[in-house]
Amino acid sequence: MMQEIDAIRLSDRPLVVCDVDDVVLQFIAPFQSYLDSLGHRLVPRSFRLHGNIVSQATETALPDREVSDLIEAFFDTQETWQTPFSTTAAAIEAIARDADIVFLTAMPPRFADRRRRLLDSVGLSQPLVATQQPKGPVVRTLHGGRPLPVAFIDDMAHNLVSVGTHVTDCLLLHMIPVSEIHRHAPPALPPVLRVADWPEATQHIRRHCSTSRTS
C-alpha cells in the first residue's frame, strides 16, 4: 500500500478522497444479481453480508467462510458486474477541475488491478489505493498535513469516524445508495454530513474548498 501512496503526486490543490463500492461504483445491486446467478440471495435483516446470504433452495444462511469467499469471487469478476452510478462521472469531472481526487477502496490489494481496469474503462482515471487497513491513517498519509482543504466520502460510518479522528478539519460526507440493506446502516454523527447523492456532495465539497481557502 505504501508504494501506491508514494506513487501518487498531489498538486497544490484541495484533496478529495472517495470510497469506491456503493459510492463511485454500484456494489450492492450487482452483488445481489451475482448471488442470484449462483442460487443464493441476500436477505437484508441487518447491515451486514455475513449471516444474511441464504441458499435459495434451502433458505438457510451460508457459513461465514463461504460468504467471505463469495465476496472475494465477486471482486475477482467485478469488471463483469459493476458499473458507476449515473451521476458519478459528471461529479468527478466537475470536482477534478478544482481538486485532486484519490479513490480509496476497501478490498484485498490483490484485486486492485481489476478495479483499476474497471475504473479506467468508465473514464475514471484518478489514482487508486486498495487496502483493508483503517482509512483514517491512510487519508492522513495521503494528505500529509498540507494546509489545504481535504474531504472524504464513504458509505460506512466507521470509516468516516476513522478519518475524522486522524485528519483535522476534513469534510466528512456520508453518502449511501437507496437499498433495503442500507436502511439498516448506522447513522454517522456530526460533524459528518449525510448527503443523498453526488450532486449534493459536489455542492458541499465546493463550499468547503472555497471557505477553507479564504479563511
Protein backbone atom coordinates (compact mmCIF):
# COMPACT_ATOMS: atom_id res chain seq x y z
CA MET A 1 0.00 0.00 0.00
CA MET A 2 2.78 2.46 0.83
CA GLN A 3 4.16 2.03 -2.69
CA GLU A 4 0.76 3.02 -4.09
CA ILE A 5 0.65 6.10 -1.87
CA ASP A 6 4.24 7.07 -2.60
CA ALA A 7 3.48 6.94 -6.33
CA ILE A 8 0.66 9.50 -6.01
CA ARG A 9 1.70 13.05 -6.81
CA LEU A 10 -0.73 15.64 -5.48
CA SER A 11 -0.83 19.18 -6.82
CA ASP A 12 -1.17 22.38 -4.82
CA ARG A 13 -4.95 21.95 -4.69
CA PRO A 14 -7.56 20.55 -2.29
CA LEU A 15 -7.76 16.77 -1.90
CA VAL A 16 -10.95 14.72 -2.19
CA VAL A 17 -10.70 11.05 -1.17
CA CYS A 18 -13.57 8.81 -2.33
CA ASP A 19 -14.58 5.35 -1.28
CA VAL A 20 -15.45 3.21 -4.31
CA ASP A 21 -18.03 0.48 -3.57
CA ASP A 22 -21.53 1.97 -3.34
CA VAL A 23 -20.08 5.48 -3.68
CA VAL A 24 -18.38 5.55 -7.09
CA LEU A 25 -19.34 2.08 -8.35
CA GLN A 26 -22.56 0.25 -7.59
CA PHE A 27 -21.89 -2.69 -5.30
CA ILE A 28 -24.94 -4.00 -3.50
CA ALA A 29 -27.26 -4.17 -6.55
CA PRO A 30 -24.82 -6.04 -8.82
CA PHE A 31 -23.73 -8.23 -5.90
CA GLN A 32 -27.34 -9.27 -5.43
CA SER A 33 -27.52 -10.16 -9.13
CA TYR A 34 -24.29 -12.11 -8.78
CA LEU A 35 -25.70 -14.06 -5.82
CA ASP A 36 -28.89 -14.81 -7.77
CA SER A 37 -26.82 -16.26 -10.62
CA LEU A 38 -25.33 -18.74 -8.13
CA GLY A 39 -28.61 -19.76 -6.49
CA HIS A 40 -28.26 -17.53 -3.43
CA ARG A 41 -29.96 -14.35 -2.27
CA LEU A 42 -29.37 -11.53 0.16
CA VAL A 43 -31.90 -11.17 2.98
CA PRO A 44 -31.44 -7.62 4.33
CA ARG A 45 -32.11 -8.25 8.01
CA SER A 46 -29.20 -6.08 9.17
CA PHE A 47 -26.39 -4.02 7.69
CA ARG A 48 -24.01 -6.87 7.05
CA LEU A 49 -23.47 -9.57 4.45
CA HIS A 50 -22.35 -12.37 6.77
CA GLY A 51 -25.41 -14.10 8.17
CA ASN A 52 -27.73 -12.52 5.61
CA ILE A 53 -26.92 -14.53 2.47
CA VAL A 54 -29.07 -17.63 2.12
CA SER A 55 -29.41 -20.54 -0.27
CA GLN A 56 -32.48 -20.14 -2.48
CA ALA A 57 -33.02 -23.90 -2.31
CA THR A 58 -32.97 -24.29 1.48
CA GLU A 59 -33.38 -20.72 2.82
CA THR A 60 -30.54 -21.44 5.24
CA ALA A 61 -27.79 -18.90 5.85
CA LEU A 62 -24.44 -19.65 4.26
CA PRO A 63 -21.46 -20.13 6.58
CA ASP A 64 -19.34 -17.02 7.14
CA ARG A 65 -16.36 -18.57 5.33
CA GLU A 66 -18.49 -19.20 2.24
CA VAL A 67 -19.80 -15.62 2.31
CA SER A 68 -16.23 -14.29 2.50
CA ASP A 69 -15.31 -16.49 -0.47
CA LEU A 70 -18.30 -15.17 -2.43
CA ILE A 71 -17.28 -11.55 -1.78
CA GLU A 72 -13.73 -12.24 -2.99
CA ALA A 73 -15.04 -14.13 -6.03
CA PHE A 74 -17.22 -11.13 -6.83
CA PHE A 75 -14.21 -8.81 -6.62
CA ASP A 76 -12.41 -11.20 -8.95
CA THR A 77 -15.16 -10.76 -11.56
CA GLN A 78 -16.10 -7.14 -10.74
CA GLU A 79 -15.44 -5.98 -14.31
CA THR A 80 -18.39 -8.10 -15.44
CA TRP A 81 -20.83 -6.87 -12.82
CA GLN A 82 -20.08 -3.39 -11.50
CA THR A 83 -20.90 -0.05 -13.13
CA PRO A 84 -20.77 3.57 -11.89
CA PHE A 85 -23.82 5.35 -10.55
CA SER A 86 -25.44 7.54 -13.19
CA THR A 87 -24.19 10.79 -11.64
CA THR A 88 -20.67 9.65 -10.76
CA ALA A 89 -18.76 10.60 -13.89
CA ALA A 90 -20.14 14.14 -14.18
CA ALA A 91 -19.49 14.82 -10.49
CA ILE A 92 -15.93 13.50 -10.57
CA GLU A 93 -15.23 15.56 -13.67
CA ALA A 94 -16.59 18.71 -12.00
CA ILE A 95 -14.70 18.18 -8.75
CA ALA A 96 -11.47 17.38 -10.61
CA ARG A 97 -11.43 20.87 -12.12
CA ASP A 98 -10.59 22.31 -8.69
CA ALA A 99 -9.24 19.42 -6.59
CA ASP A 100 -7.12 16.30 -6.71
CA ILE A 101 -9.14 13.10 -6.34
CA VAL A 102 -7.92 9.78 -4.97
CA PHE A 103 -10.04 6.63 -4.86
CA LEU A 104 -9.62 4.65 -1.62
CA THR A 105 -11.18 1.21 -1.92
CA ALA A 106 -11.61 -1.30 0.90
CA MET A 107 -10.63 -4.59 -0.72
CA PRO A 108 -7.75 -7.06 -0.73
CA PRO A 109 -4.94 -5.37 -2.69
CA ARG A 110 -4.60 -8.39 -4.98
CA PHE A 111 -7.82 -7.25 -6.71
CA ALA A 112 -6.55 -3.70 -7.28
CA ASP A 113 -5.53 -4.35 -10.89
CA ARG A 114 -9.06 -5.44 -11.76
CA ARG A 115 -10.51 -2.37 -10.07
CA ARG A 116 -8.01 -0.16 -11.86
CA ARG A 117 -9.06 -1.57 -15.22
CA LEU A 118 -12.74 -1.16 -14.37
CA LEU A 119 -12.36 2.47 -13.32
CA ASP A 120 -10.25 3.25 -16.38
CA SER A 121 -12.83 1.62 -18.65
CA VAL A 122 -15.51 4.08 -17.49
CA GLY A 123 -13.24 7.13 -17.70
CA LEU A 124 -12.30 7.40 -14.02
CA SER A 125 -8.52 7.56 -14.21
CA GLN A 126 -7.78 9.12 -10.81
CA PRO A 127 -5.24 7.37 -8.56
CA LEU A 128 -6.40 4.31 -6.65
CA VAL A 129 -5.35 2.88 -3.29
CA ALA A 130 -6.65 -0.57 -2.29
CA THR A 131 -6.31 -1.59 1.34
CA GLN A 132 -8.06 -3.41 4.16
CA GLN A 133 -6.45 -1.16 6.77
CA PRO A 134 -8.40 1.56 8.64
CA LYS A 135 -8.98 4.52 6.36
CA GLY A 136 -8.11 7.29 8.79
CA PRO A 137 -4.35 6.70 8.82
CA VAL A 138 -4.38 6.19 5.04
CA VAL A 139 -6.06 9.54 4.37
CA ARG A 140 -3.74 11.24 6.86
CA THR A 141 -0.74 9.85 4.97
CA LEU A 142 -2.21 10.89 1.62
CA HIS A 143 -2.94 14.43 2.77
CA GLY A 144 0.35 14.74 4.62
CA GLY A 145 -0.81 17.60 6.86
CA ARG A 146 -0.83 20.07 3.98
CA PRO A 147 -2.52 23.46 4.68
CA LEU A 148 -5.13 22.73 2.01
CA PRO A 149 -8.77 21.63 2.18
CA VAL A 150 -9.46 17.91 2.33
CA ALA A 151 -12.73 15.97 2.01
CA PHE A 152 -13.66 12.31 2.41
CA ILE A 153 -16.73 10.46 1.10
CA ASP A 154 -17.81 6.99 2.23
CA ASP A 155 -20.94 4.90 2.77
CA MET A 156 -19.66 3.36 6.02
CA ALA A 157 -19.99 5.35 9.25
CA HIS A 158 -16.95 3.71 10.88
CA ASN A 159 -14.70 4.79 8.00
CA LEU A 160 -15.87 8.38 8.39
CA VAL A 161 -15.19 8.24 12.13
CA SER A 162 -11.72 6.85 11.43
CA VAL A 163 -10.85 9.65 9.01
CA GLY A 164 -12.35 12.32 11.25
CA THR A 165 -10.18 11.08 14.12
CA HIS A 166 -6.96 11.23 12.10
CA VAL A 167 -7.41 14.21 9.76
CA THR A 168 -8.11 17.64 11.23
CA ASP A 169 -10.79 19.82 9.57
CA CYS A 170 -11.65 17.15 6.99
CA LEU A 171 -15.07 17.49 5.39
CA LEU A 172 -16.79 14.16 6.06
CA LEU A 173 -19.64 13.13 3.76
CA HIS A 174 -21.82 10.07 4.36
CA MET A 175 -23.33 9.00 1.03
CA ILE A 176 -25.23 5.74 0.78
CA PRO A 177 -27.34 4.32 -2.04
CA VAL A 178 -31.03 3.54 -1.78
CA SER A 179 -31.36 -0.16 -0.95
CA GLU A 180 -33.09 -2.37 1.57
CA ILE A 181 -29.88 -3.33 3.35
CA HIS A 182 -28.71 0.30 3.57
CA ARG A 183 -31.88 1.10 5.52
CA HIS A 184 -30.14 -0.69 8.39
CA ALA A 185 -26.91 1.32 8.06
CA PRO A 186 -25.92 3.05 11.31
CA PRO A 187 -26.03 6.83 11.06
CA ALA A 188 -22.84 8.85 11.17
CA LEU A 189 -22.88 11.52 13.87
CA PRO A 190 -21.81 15.17 13.48
CA PRO A 191 -19.56 16.59 12.20
CA VAL A 192 -20.29 14.02 9.47
CA LEU A 193 -22.81 15.30 6.92
CA ARG A 194 -25.34 12.96 5.29
CA VAL A 195 -25.71 13.57 1.54
CA ALA A 196 -28.20 11.95 -0.79
CA ASP A 197 -26.17 11.81 -3.98
CA TRP A 198 -23.21 13.10 -5.98
CA PRO A 199 -24.76 16.46 -6.91
CA GLU A 200 -25.33 17.26 -3.23
CA ALA A 201 -21.84 16.01 -2.32
CA THR A 202 -20.33 18.23 -5.02
CA GLN A 203 -22.03 21.31 -3.58
CA HIS A 204 -20.62 20.60 -0.11
CA ILE A 205 -17.13 19.96 -1.49
CA ARG A 206 -17.09 23.20 -3.48
CA ARG A 207 -18.31 25.17 -0.47
CA HIS A 208 -15.75 23.55 1.83
CA CYS A 209 -12.86 24.17 -0.55
CA SER A 210 -13.88 27.76 -1.17
CA THR A 211 -14.42 28.58 2.51
CA SER A 212 -11.20 26.88 3.64
CA ARG A 213 -9.14 28.75 1.07
CA THR A 214 -10.49 32.15 2.04
CA SER A 215 -10.48 31.64 5.82
